[in-house]
């Protein structure tokens, strides 16, 4: 089956400057200690506008819940806000956790986003809850029931049918339509486009990699928290790939934690704070993202120190030249078609500076 050129063009970016692949952004809307969600969301607008001006390809928002240091619990709402402040950069979810939501609701939300920002919206889907079990149960009103991951393929098929408005005759949802959507083009006098956001599958293991390959969908792998699985998952995706109307050949991006600073010592201070943030999260004590000063005052146990060192090893950090070298090496190891950078720091201006340094290192265009 030949790939649709329009869909393929929207998935594939154009490499700018001397970057080995298109560069994109994953934003968790980090809230630092002493700061507010309003501050974090304003930073996201600044970051989206800046990265658009420098030729980054996409700007995705991750879905997380019940985490004080992360203000991205509602990706669709944030993306609508970003759509009003940008003109060209692709906007998407990295991702919406499908088991947390009814497929019809997602189809309606992303149909609305597509109407707000035509041909600029990506729908990235994950099968994890993006939170702990109790919060997942509260989201789904299903305490004691399976987490929803096991029936992910069925949920995905239902969502796709809502987006395409093509339930077969006799199906109980045949007369239900996701609006905005294709029904508006087929109604009397309808002039709406039948275009809908490309679906991406996200993952940190082999399950979504294989499913994305079998369905001929683009795949996004979470290298930033599952680095040991990156190459095996990408290999599985490519081996499983079957051409589809969306893609003639596989296309995989990887999420990478990156922090570029003007001074190497400052990069190490910020990365250590990222490590403390993860220690708190992994031990059931999530909080606002700590400052370097808080981190320096923390007495790490031996086990915590080992965890932080292991976590920091997968963050590409340092000066602009060091980060460029690290990203180039990662691209060579993985063969990723796109690198999606996520930067975490206590202050928003440090995150903005990190993307600026990366853009300068690769000679990305200025506004």
Protein backbone atom coordinates (compact mmCIF):
# COMPACT_ATOMS: atom_id res chain seq x y z
CA UNK A 1 0.00 0.00 0.00
CA UNK A 2 1.47 3.34 -1.01
CA UNK A 3 1.94 5.95 1.68
CA UNK A 4 -0.11 9.13 1.51
CA UNK A 5 2.36 11.92 0.69
CA UNK A 6 0.56 14.54 2.79
CA UNK A 7 0.55 12.34 5.89
CA UNK A 8 4.17 11.37 5.35
CA UNK A 9 5.27 14.99 4.94
CA UNK A 10 3.61 15.91 8.23
CA UNK A 11 5.39 13.12 10.05
CA UNK A 12 8.80 13.62 8.52
CA UNK A 13 10.61 16.78 9.41
CA UNK A 14 13.39 18.58 7.59
CA UNK A 15 16.85 18.57 9.11
CA UNK A 16 18.02 22.13 9.74
CA UNK A 17 21.53 23.47 9.98
CA UNK A 18 24.05 20.77 10.75
CA UNK A 19 21.78 18.70 13.00
CA UNK A 20 21.83 15.00 12.03
CA UNK A 21 18.02 14.80 12.23
CA UNK A 22 15.10 17.16 12.80
CA UNK A 23 15.08 18.41 16.40
CA UNK A 24 11.90 18.66 18.45
CA UNK A 25 10.79 19.43 22.02
CA UNK A 26 9.04 17.45 24.76
CA UNK A 27 7.69 19.67 27.55
CA UNK A 28 6.54 18.44 30.97
CA UNK A 29 5.78 22.01 32.09
CA UNK A 30 8.20 21.80 35.01
CA UNK A 31 7.26 23.72 38.17
CA UNK A 32 10.28 24.67 40.29
CA UNK A 33 10.17 25.22 44.04
CA UNK A 34 9.13 28.77 44.83
CA UNK A 35 7.31 29.02 41.52
CA UNK A 36 3.76 28.41 40.33
CA UNK A 37 1.98 26.53 37.59
CA UNK A 38 1.23 29.90 36.00
CA UNK A 39 4.97 30.59 35.83
CA UNK A 40 5.58 27.18 34.26
CA UNK A 41 2.86 27.59 31.64
CA UNK A 42 4.19 31.01 30.69
CA UNK A 43 7.60 29.42 30.22
CA UNK A 44 6.00 26.84 27.92
CA UNK A 45 4.62 29.62 25.72
CA UNK A 46 8.04 31.26 25.61
CA UNK A 47 9.69 27.94 24.77
CA UNK A 48 7.19 27.09 22.03
CA UNK A 49 7.57 30.48 20.39
CA UNK A 50 11.36 30.40 20.67
CA UNK A 51 11.80 26.88 19.34
CA UNK A 52 9.42 27.64 16.48
CA UNK A 53 11.55 30.67 15.57
CA UNK A 54 14.68 28.50 15.52
CA UNK A 55 13.32 25.74 13.29
CA UNK A 56 12.52 22.98 15.79
CA UNK A 57 10.01 20.63 14.17
CA UNK A 58 7.51 19.68 16.92
CA UNK A 59 6.48 20.74 20.40
CA UNK A 60 4.83 17.97 22.40
CA UNK A 61 3.24 18.01 25.85
CA UNK A 62 3.42 14.96 28.13
CA UNK A 63 0.52 13.74 30.27
CA UNK A 64 1.30 13.24 33.97
CA UNK A 65 -0.93 13.33 37.04
CA UNK A 66 -0.64 13.99 40.76
CA UNK A 67 2.92 15.34 40.47
CA UNK A 68 3.42 18.79 42.04
CA UNK A 69 6.49 19.49 39.89
CA UNK A 70 4.71 18.75 36.59
CA UNK A 71 1.84 20.95 35.35
CA UNK A 72 1.01 18.95 32.22
CA UNK A 73 -1.99 16.96 33.38
CA UNK A 74 -4.16 18.29 30.51
CA UNK A 75 -2.19 18.19 27.24
CA UNK A 76 -5.13 19.16 25.01
CA UNK A 77 -5.82 22.30 27.04
CA UNK A 78 -2.17 23.37 26.96
CA UNK A 79 -1.86 22.61 23.25
CA UNK A 80 -4.88 24.81 22.50
CA UNK A 81 -3.15 27.65 24.36
CA UNK A 82 0.11 27.08 22.49
CA UNK A 83 -1.72 26.99 19.17
CA UNK A 84 -2.89 30.55 19.84
CA UNK A 85 0.71 31.69 20.39
CA UNK A 86 2.45 29.92 17.50
CA UNK A 87 2.07 29.75 13.72
CA UNK A 88 4.09 26.91 12.21
CA UNK A 89 5.59 24.45 14.68
CA UNK A 90 3.79 21.13 14.96
CA UNK A 91 1.99 20.64 18.28
CA UNK A 92 1.18 17.32 19.85
CA UNK A 93 0.85 15.00 22.81
CA UNK A 94 3.83 13.08 24.02
CA UNK A 95 1.57 11.56 24.87
CA UNK A 96 -2.04 11.21 25.82
CA UNK A 97 -2.35 8.08 27.96
CA UNK A 98 -5.13 6.28 26.13
CA UNK A 99 -6.27 4.01 29.01
CA UNK A 100 -7.07 7.13 31.07
CA UNK A 101 -9.65 8.42 28.60
CA UNK A 102 -12.63 7.35 26.51
CA UNK A 103 -11.55 7.18 22.85
CA UNK A 104 -14.45 9.43 21.80
CA UNK A 105 -13.26 12.16 24.17
CA UNK A 106 -9.75 12.07 22.70
CA UNK A 107 -11.15 12.14 19.16
CA UNK A 108 -13.22 15.21 20.03
CA UNK A 109 -10.33 16.99 21.76
CA UNK A 110 -7.87 16.44 18.94
CA UNK A 111 -10.47 17.15 16.30
CA UNK A 112 -10.91 20.51 18.03
CA UNK A 113 -7.16 21.08 18.08
CA UNK A 114 -6.93 20.23 14.39
CA UNK A 115 -9.65 22.81 13.71
CA UNK A 116 -7.71 25.39 15.72
CA UNK A 117 -4.34 24.62 14.11
CA UNK A 118 -4.97 22.85 10.78
CA UNK A 119 -2.29 20.40 9.63
CA UNK A 120 -0.13 21.14 12.71
CA UNK A 121 -1.38 18.59 15.25
CA UNK A 122 0.09 15.20 16.23
CA UNK A 123 -1.72 12.67 18.41
CA UNK A 124 0.86 10.71 20.39
CA UNK A 125 -0.61 7.86 22.43
CA UNK A 126 0.79 5.86 25.34
CA UNK A 127 -0.51 2.82 27.19
CA UNK A 128 0.94 3.59 30.64
CA UNK A 129 -1.13 5.56 33.20
CA UNK A 130 1.35 8.41 33.58
CA UNK A 131 0.90 8.20 37.34
CA UNK A 132 0.52 5.77 40.26
CA UNK A 133 -2.16 3.10 40.50
CA UNK A 134 -4.43 4.95 42.92
CA UNK A 135 -4.45 8.07 40.75
CA UNK A 136 -5.09 5.98 37.66
CA UNK A 137 -8.10 4.44 39.38
CA UNK A 138 -9.39 7.91 40.26
CA UNK A 139 -8.98 9.01 36.64
CA UNK A 140 -10.79 5.99 35.27
CA UNK A 141 -13.36 5.45 38.04
CA UNK A 142 -12.36 1.81 37.93
CA UNK A 143 -10.71 0.87 41.24
CA UNK A 144 -9.89 -2.82 41.27
CA UNK A 145 -10.19 -3.22 37.49
CA UNK A 146 -7.31 -3.86 35.06
CA UNK A 147 -5.20 -0.82 34.23
CA UNK A 148 -6.38 -0.68 30.61
CA UNK A 149 -3.01 -1.44 29.04
CA UNK A 150 -4.01 -4.99 28.05
CA UNK A 151 -6.80 -3.79 25.77
CA UNK A 152 -4.76 -0.95 24.28
CA UNK A 153 -4.99 -2.30 20.70
CA UNK A 154 -8.79 -2.40 20.95
CA UNK A 155 -8.91 1.13 22.38
CA UNK A 156 -6.61 2.32 19.60
CA UNK A 157 -8.81 0.76 16.93
CA UNK A 158 -11.89 2.42 18.41
CA UNK A 159 -10.18 5.81 18.57
CA UNK A 160 -9.03 5.49 14.96
CA UNK A 161 -12.57 4.71 13.82
CA UNK A 162 -13.89 7.78 15.65
CA UNK A 163 -11.22 9.95 14.03
CA UNK A 164 -12.02 8.55 10.58
CA UNK A 165 -15.78 8.28 11.21
CA UNK A 166 -15.86 4.81 9.67
CA UNK A 167 -17.57 2.39 12.06
CA UNK A 168 -19.17 -0.36 9.96
CA UNK A 169 -22.89 -0.76 9.52
CA UNK A 170 -24.43 -2.53 12.48
CA UNK A 171 -21.81 -1.32 14.95
CA UNK A 172 -23.38 0.27 18.06
CA UNK A 173 -21.29 3.42 17.48
CA UNK A 174 -22.15 3.72 13.79
CA UNK A 175 -24.35 6.79 14.36
CA UNK A 176 -21.95 8.49 16.79
CA UNK A 177 -19.64 11.12 15.32
CA UNK A 178 -16.59 12.86 16.77
CA UNK A 179 -17.07 16.56 16.10
CA UNK A 180 -15.14 18.44 14.80
CA UNK A 181 -14.48 15.66 12.34
CA UNK A 182 -15.20 14.04 8.96
CA UNK A 183 -18.99 14.05 9.41
CA UNK A 184 -18.91 17.79 8.75
CA UNK A 185 -17.43 17.16 5.31
CA UNK A 186 -20.05 14.58 4.37
CA UNK A 187 -23.11 16.44 5.68
CA UNK A 188 -25.20 18.40 3.14
CA UNK A 189 -23.27 21.53 2.29
CA UNK A 190 -20.26 20.35 4.28
CA UNK A 191 -16.96 21.92 3.31
CA UNK A 192 -14.73 20.64 6.11
CA UNK A 193 -11.50 18.84 5.26
CA UNK A 194 -11.29 15.12 6.05
CA UNK A 195 -7.76 15.59 7.35
CA UNK A 196 -7.10 14.36 10.86
CA UNK A 197 -4.04 14.37 13.15
CA UNK A 198 -1.43 11.66 12.52
CA UNK A 199 -1.33 9.02 15.25
CA UNK A 200 1.98 8.17 16.88
CA UNK A 201 2.56 5.31 19.30
CA UNK A 202 4.78 5.99 22.30
CA UNK A 203 6.60 3.41 24.33
CA UNK A 204 9.47 2.44 26.61
CA UNK A 205 9.50 -1.29 25.82
CA UNK A 206 8.85 -3.67 22.96
CA UNK A 207 5.04 -3.83 23.07
CA UNK A 208 4.27 -0.45 21.47
CA UNK A 209 7.32 -0.75 19.19
CA UNK A 210 5.98 -3.94 17.64
CA UNK A 211 2.39 -2.66 17.46
CA UNK A 212 3.51 0.58 15.77
CA UNK A 213 5.47 -1.46 13.25
CA UNK A 214 2.61 -3.82 12.46
CA UNK A 215 0.22 -0.89 11.98
CA UNK A 216 2.67 1.14 9.91
CA UNK A 217 2.60 4.07 12.35
CA UNK A 218 5.40 6.39 13.45
CA UNK A 219 6.97 5.44 16.77
CA UNK A 220 8.35 7.55 19.63
CA UNK A 221 10.59 5.85 22.19
CA UNK A 222 11.24 7.20 25.69
CA UNK A 223 15.03 6.94 25.68
CA UNK A 224 15.15 9.55 28.48
CA UNK A 225 13.91 7.04 31.05
CA UNK A 226 14.48 3.67 29.40
CA UNK A 227 17.83 4.03 27.68
CA UNK A 228 18.76 0.36 27.99
CA UNK A 229 15.76 -0.60 25.86
CA UNK A 230 16.20 1.97 23.10
CA UNK A 231 18.14 0.00 20.49
CA UNK A 232 16.20 -3.28 21.00
CA UNK A 233 12.87 -1.43 20.73
CA UNK A 234 13.88 0.44 17.60
CA UNK A 235 15.16 -2.78 16.03
CA UNK A 236 11.86 -4.50 16.84
CA UNK A 237 9.90 -1.60 15.37
CA UNK A 238 11.87 -1.66 12.13
CA UNK A 239 11.70 -5.44 11.83
CA UNK A 240 7.94 -5.45 12.43
CA UNK A 241 7.15 -2.53 10.14
CA UNK A 242 4.53 -2.95 7.44
CA UNK A 243 3.91 -0.10 4.96
CA UNK A 244 0.61 1.71 5.44
CA UNK A 245 -1.34 4.66 4.12
CA UNK A 246 0.60 6.76 6.63
CA UNK A 247 4.17 5.58 6.06
CA UNK A 248 5.98 3.66 3.34
CA UNK A 249 8.93 2.99 5.67
CA UNK A 250 9.52 3.20 9.43
CA UNK A 251 9.98 6.53 11.19
CA UNK A 252 11.15 6.64 14.80
CA UNK A 253 11.98 9.50 17.11
CA UNK A 254 13.52 9.20 20.55
CA UNK A 255 13.01 11.40 23.58
CA UNK A 256 16.32 12.58 25.04
CA UNK A 257 17.03 14.44 28.28
CA UNK A 258 19.29 17.38 27.44
CA UNK A 259 20.66 20.31 29.39
CA UNK A 260 23.09 22.70 27.76
CA UNK A 261 24.57 25.52 29.84
CA UNK A 262 27.23 28.16 29.38
CA UNK A 263 29.28 26.54 32.13
CA UNK A 264 29.89 22.83 32.56
CA UNK A 265 29.77 23.07 36.36
CA UNK A 266 26.31 24.64 36.22
CA UNK A 267 25.11 21.76 34.05
CA UNK A 268 26.27 19.28 36.71
CA UNK A 269 24.49 21.26 39.46
CA UNK A 270 21.22 21.25 37.52
CA UNK A 271 21.50 17.57 36.60
CA UNK A 272 22.02 16.68 40.26
CA UNK A 273 18.79 18.54 41.07
CA UNK A 274 17.06 16.47 38.38
CA UNK A 275 18.38 13.37 40.11
CA UNK A 276 16.99 14.46 43.49
CA UNK A 277 13.65 15.15 41.86
CA UNK A 278 13.58 11.59 40.51
CA UNK A 279 14.66 10.13 43.87
CA UNK A 280 11.68 11.81 45.50
CA UNK A 281 9.35 10.65 42.75
CA UNK A 282 10.54 7.03 42.82
CA UNK A 283 10.22 6.86 46.61
CA UNK A 284 6.65 8.18 46.66
CA UNK A 285 7.54 11.72 47.75
CA UNK A 286 6.98 13.85 44.64
CA UNK A 287 7.31 17.59 45.08
CA UNK A 288 8.16 20.77 43.22
CA UNK A 289 11.35 20.57 41.17
CA UNK A 290 14.19 21.30 43.62
CA UNK A 291 16.69 24.12 43.23
CA UNK A 292 20.43 23.37 43.10
CA UNK A 293 20.72 24.94 46.56
CA UNK A 294 18.13 22.54 47.97
CA UNK A 295 19.96 19.69 46.31
CA UNK A 296 23.33 20.68 47.73
CA UNK A 297 21.80 20.71 51.22
CA UNK A 298 20.34 17.22 50.78
CA UNK A 299 22.29 14.35 52.35
CA UNK A 300 22.15 11.54 49.82
CA UNK A 301 22.25 7.95 51.02
CA UNK A 302 24.58 5.58 49.23
CA UNK A 303 21.61 4.01 47.42
CA UNK A 304 20.28 7.43 46.39
CA UNK A 305 23.69 8.46 45.11
CA UNK A 306 23.93 5.33 42.97
CA UNK A 307 20.49 6.02 41.53
CA UNK A 308 21.34 9.66 40.77
CA UNK A 309 24.61 8.71 39.07
CA UNK A 310 22.80 6.14 36.94
CA UNK A 311 20.05 8.62 36.04
CA UNK A 312 22.51 11.41 35.19
CA UNK A 313 24.43 9.09 32.86
CA UNK A 314 21.48 9.22 30.44
CA UNK A 315 21.20 13.02 30.43
CA UNK A 316 23.18 14.69 27.65
CA UNK A 317 24.54 17.70 29.50
CA UNK A 318 27.37 20.20 29.54
CA UNK A 319 28.42 23.03 27.28
CA UNK A 320 26.87 23.44 23.84
CA UNK A 321 29.75 21.60 22.18
CA UNK A 322 29.55 18.73 24.67
CA UNK A 323 25.81 18.40 24.14
CA UNK A 324 26.19 18.46 20.38
CA UNK A 325 28.78 15.69 20.57
CA UNK A 326 26.52 13.65 22.85
CA UNK A 327 23.52 14.02 20.55
CA UNK A 328 25.56 13.16 17.48
CA UNK A 329 26.86 10.01 19.19
CA UNK A 330 23.35 9.03 20.27
CA UNK A 331 22.07 9.44 16.75
CA UNK A 332 24.85 7.24 15.40
CA UNK A 333 24.06 4.51 17.96
CA UNK A 334 20.32 4.48 17.38
CA UNK A 335 19.74 5.68 13.83
CA UNK A 336 16.74 7.67 15.10
CA UNK A 337 14.92 9.67 12.45
CA UNK A 338 14.28 12.53 14.88
CA UNK A 339 15.56 13.66 18.28
CA UNK A 340 13.00 15.09 20.72
CA UNK A 341 14.76 17.03 23.45
CA UNK A 342 13.39 17.48 26.95
CA UNK A 343 15.17 19.85 29.33
CA UNK A 344 14.56 20.00 33.07
CA UNK A 345 15.79 22.77 35.32
CA UNK A 346 14.54 24.69 38.33
CA UNK A 347 14.21 27.97 36.42
CA UNK A 348 12.45 28.41 33.11
CA UNK A 349 15.14 30.71 31.75
CA UNK A 350 17.70 27.90 32.09
CA UNK A 351 15.51 25.63 29.97
CA UNK A 352 15.12 28.35 27.37
CA UNK A 353 18.88 28.93 27.34
CA UNK A 354 19.48 25.21 26.89
CA UNK A 355 17.43 25.13 23.67
CA UNK A 356 19.11 28.32 22.51
CA UNK A 357 22.56 26.80 22.95
CA UNK A 358 21.56 23.63 21.12
CA UNK A 359 20.10 25.68 18.25
CA UNK A 360 23.29 27.73 18.02
CA UNK A 361 25.51 24.65 18.18
CA UNK A 362 23.73 23.20 15.13
CA UNK A 363 23.39 26.47 13.26
CA UNK A 364 19.60 26.36 13.26
CA UNK A 365 18.04 29.39 11.56
CA UNK A 366 17.20 32.51 13.49
CA UNK A 367 13.79 34.16 13.26
